[in-house]
Amino acid sequence: MSTISREPSAGNRGTRSATGPTPGRISMAFAASWVAMLAHNQFELPLSPIDIENTGPLLVDLALLTAYWRRPTSRVVLVAILCWALLNLVIGGLVTVLPLPLLPFAPEQSLSHYLAHVVYAAGQVPLVLLSMASLRQPLRATL
């Protein structure tokens, strides 16, 4: 059974029955994600903050954040944010610290390197949790 929503739907077939994270909270989560990645790169790699390895992810963050600000109830945007955060968590935070033969480099196996990756991975957690919590909220039909 469809219900009539008094909120503008912008052509969406459904909206979340409860609001997702505020733009401020999601902005803080994106900031934590990028700062953690930047901290890792500054500590482990001879990169400038303006190198593409740092500014590229920042541009992706800004694009996803802009999409969220424009359509905070969009499941597509939330899934894209979750995928980006999980990619950074799993690949950047976990896989690249392991001495795997499929990597094009041999990561240093030291406590300082492990700690840099703990910081990197921990910085992704708020974005993962916020996007997952928002995606778990039920949809309701709108006309």
Protein backbone atom coordinates (compact mmCIF):
# COMPACT_ATOMS: atom_id res chain seq x y z
CA MET A 1 0.00 0.00 0.00
CA SER A 2 1.41 3.38 -1.01
CA THR A 3 1.44 6.31 1.33
CA ILE A 4 1.47 9.95 0.41
CA SER A 5 4.59 11.78 1.49
CA ARG A 6 4.41 15.49 2.22
CA GLU A 7 8.16 15.76 1.63
CA PRO A 8 9.39 16.56 -1.87
CA SER A 9 10.52 13.36 -3.53
CA ALA A 10 12.44 14.86 -6.47
CA GLY A 11 11.14 12.06 -8.63
CA ASN A 12 12.34 9.29 -6.32
CA ARG A 13 10.19 6.20 -6.11
CA GLY A 14 10.94 5.91 -2.41
CA THR A 15 12.50 7.84 0.41
CA ARG A 16 13.88 6.81 3.72
CA SER A 17 11.36 6.81 6.53
CA ALA A 18 13.98 8.32 8.83
CA THR A 19 16.70 10.74 7.89
CA GLY A 20 20.21 9.57 7.21
CA PRO A 21 23.32 11.15 8.66
CA THR A 22 23.31 14.92 8.63
CA PRO A 23 25.48 16.57 5.99
CA GLY A 24 27.73 17.73 8.82
CA ARG A 25 28.26 14.20 10.15
CA ILE A 26 28.93 12.74 6.72
CA SER A 27 31.33 15.63 6.01
CA MET A 28 33.23 14.84 9.21
CA ALA A 29 33.40 11.16 8.24
CA PHE A 30 34.78 12.06 4.79
CA ALA A 31 37.31 14.38 6.45
CA ALA A 32 38.43 11.62 8.85
CA SER A 33 38.75 9.21 5.93
CA TRP A 34 40.91 11.55 3.85
CA VAL A 35 43.05 12.80 6.75
CA ALA A 36 43.81 9.20 7.75
CA MET A 37 44.84 8.38 4.18
CA LEU A 38 46.95 11.55 4.00
CA ALA A 39 48.61 10.78 7.35
CA HIS A 40 49.54 7.31 6.08
CA ASN A 41 50.91 8.71 2.83
CA GLN A 42 52.92 11.44 4.59
CA PHE A 43 54.40 8.96 7.05
CA GLU A 44 55.07 6.06 4.69
CA LEU A 45 55.60 7.57 1.24
CA PRO A 46 57.66 10.47 -0.09
CA LEU A 47 54.54 12.28 -1.34
CA SER A 48 53.52 15.89 -1.22
CA PRO A 49 49.95 16.64 -0.07
CA ILE A 50 49.26 17.94 -3.59
CA ASP A 51 50.43 14.77 -5.37
CA ILE A 52 47.76 12.89 -7.29
CA GLU A 53 47.85 10.01 -4.79
CA ASN A 54 46.46 12.48 -2.23
CA THR A 55 44.41 14.88 -4.35
CA GLY A 56 42.78 12.13 -6.45
CA PRO A 57 41.04 10.53 -3.46
CA LEU A 58 40.15 14.00 -2.19
CA LEU A 59 38.39 14.75 -5.48
CA VAL A 60 36.45 11.47 -5.23
CA ASP A 61 35.50 12.36 -1.64
CA LEU A 62 34.31 15.80 -2.73
CA ALA A 63 32.27 14.37 -5.60
CA LEU A 64 30.59 11.82 -3.32
CA LEU A 65 30.00 14.43 -0.61
CA THR A 66 28.43 16.80 -3.15
CA ALA A 67 26.19 13.98 -4.38
CA TYR A 68 25.17 13.24 -0.79
CA TRP A 69 24.40 16.90 -0.06
CA ARG A 70 22.22 17.03 -3.19
CA ARG A 71 20.48 13.66 -2.66
CA PRO A 72 20.89 12.49 0.94
CA THR A 73 18.20 9.80 0.56
CA SER A 74 19.61 8.31 -2.64
CA ARG A 75 20.50 4.66 -2.19
CA VAL A 76 22.82 4.90 -5.21
CA VAL A 77 24.82 7.67 -3.54
CA LEU A 78 24.94 5.81 -0.23
CA VAL A 79 26.07 2.59 -1.91
CA ALA A 80 28.78 4.53 -3.79
CA ILE A 81 29.97 6.06 -0.49
CA LEU A 82 29.97 2.65 1.18
CA CYS A 83 31.91 1.06 -1.70
CA TRP A 84 34.49 3.87 -1.67
CA ALA A 85 34.93 3.59 2.10
CA LEU A 86 35.22 -0.21 1.96
CA LEU A 87 37.73 0.02 -0.91
CA ASN A 88 39.89 2.33 1.18
CA LEU A 89 39.47 0.21 4.30
CA VAL A 90 40.19 -3.16 2.70
CA ILE A 91 42.75 -2.28 0.03
CA GLY A 92 44.41 0.78 1.53
CA GLY A 93 44.13 -0.17 5.17
CA LEU A 94 44.56 -3.94 5.14
CA VAL A 95 45.72 -5.59 1.91
CA THR A 96 48.64 -3.27 1.14
CA VAL A 97 50.27 -3.92 4.50
CA LEU A 98 50.53 -7.66 3.79
CA PRO A 99 53.49 -9.17 1.86
CA LEU A 100 51.31 -10.59 -0.90
CA PRO A 101 52.87 -11.77 -4.18
CA LEU A 102 50.12 -10.04 -6.20
CA LEU A 103 51.25 -6.59 -5.04
CA PRO A 104 53.68 -4.71 -7.32
CA PHE A 105 55.78 -3.81 -4.26
CA ALA A 106 57.05 -5.43 -1.09
CA PRO A 107 55.52 -3.60 1.88
CA GLU A 108 57.76 -2.95 4.84
CA GLN A 109 57.04 -5.34 7.68
CA SER A 110 57.60 -3.14 10.70
CA LEU A 111 55.58 -1.93 13.66
CA SER A 112 55.58 1.65 12.36
CA HIS A 113 54.20 0.48 9.00
CA TYR A 114 51.49 -1.56 10.70
CA LEU A 115 50.53 1.44 12.86
CA ALA A 116 50.31 3.69 9.79
CA HIS A 117 47.86 1.20 8.29
CA VAL A 118 45.87 1.00 11.53
CA VAL A 119 45.43 4.79 11.31
CA TYR A 120 44.47 4.51 7.63
CA ALA A 121 41.91 1.76 8.30
CA ALA A 122 40.48 3.41 11.43
CA GLY A 123 39.85 6.59 9.47
CA GLN A 124 37.53 4.71 7.11
CA VAL A 125 35.33 3.23 9.84
CA PRO A 126 33.07 6.27 10.45
CA LEU A 127 32.21 6.52 6.75
CA VAL A 128 31.50 2.79 6.54
CA LEU A 129 29.29 2.85 9.64
CA LEU A 130 27.32 5.96 8.65
CA SER A 131 26.62 4.74 5.14
CA MET A 132 25.69 1.24 6.32
CA ALA A 133 23.35 2.58 9.00
CA SER A 134 21.65 4.84 6.51
CA LEU A 135 21.25 2.01 3.98
CA ARG A 136 19.59 -0.17 6.63
CA GLN A 137 16.78 2.33 7.09
CA PRO A 138 13.57 1.18 5.38
CA LEU A 139 12.16 2.82 2.31
CA ARG A 140 8.59 3.93 2.07
CA ALA A 141 6.68 4.44 -1.11
CA THR A 142 5.84 7.95 -2.24
CA LEU A 143 3.56 9.22 -4.95
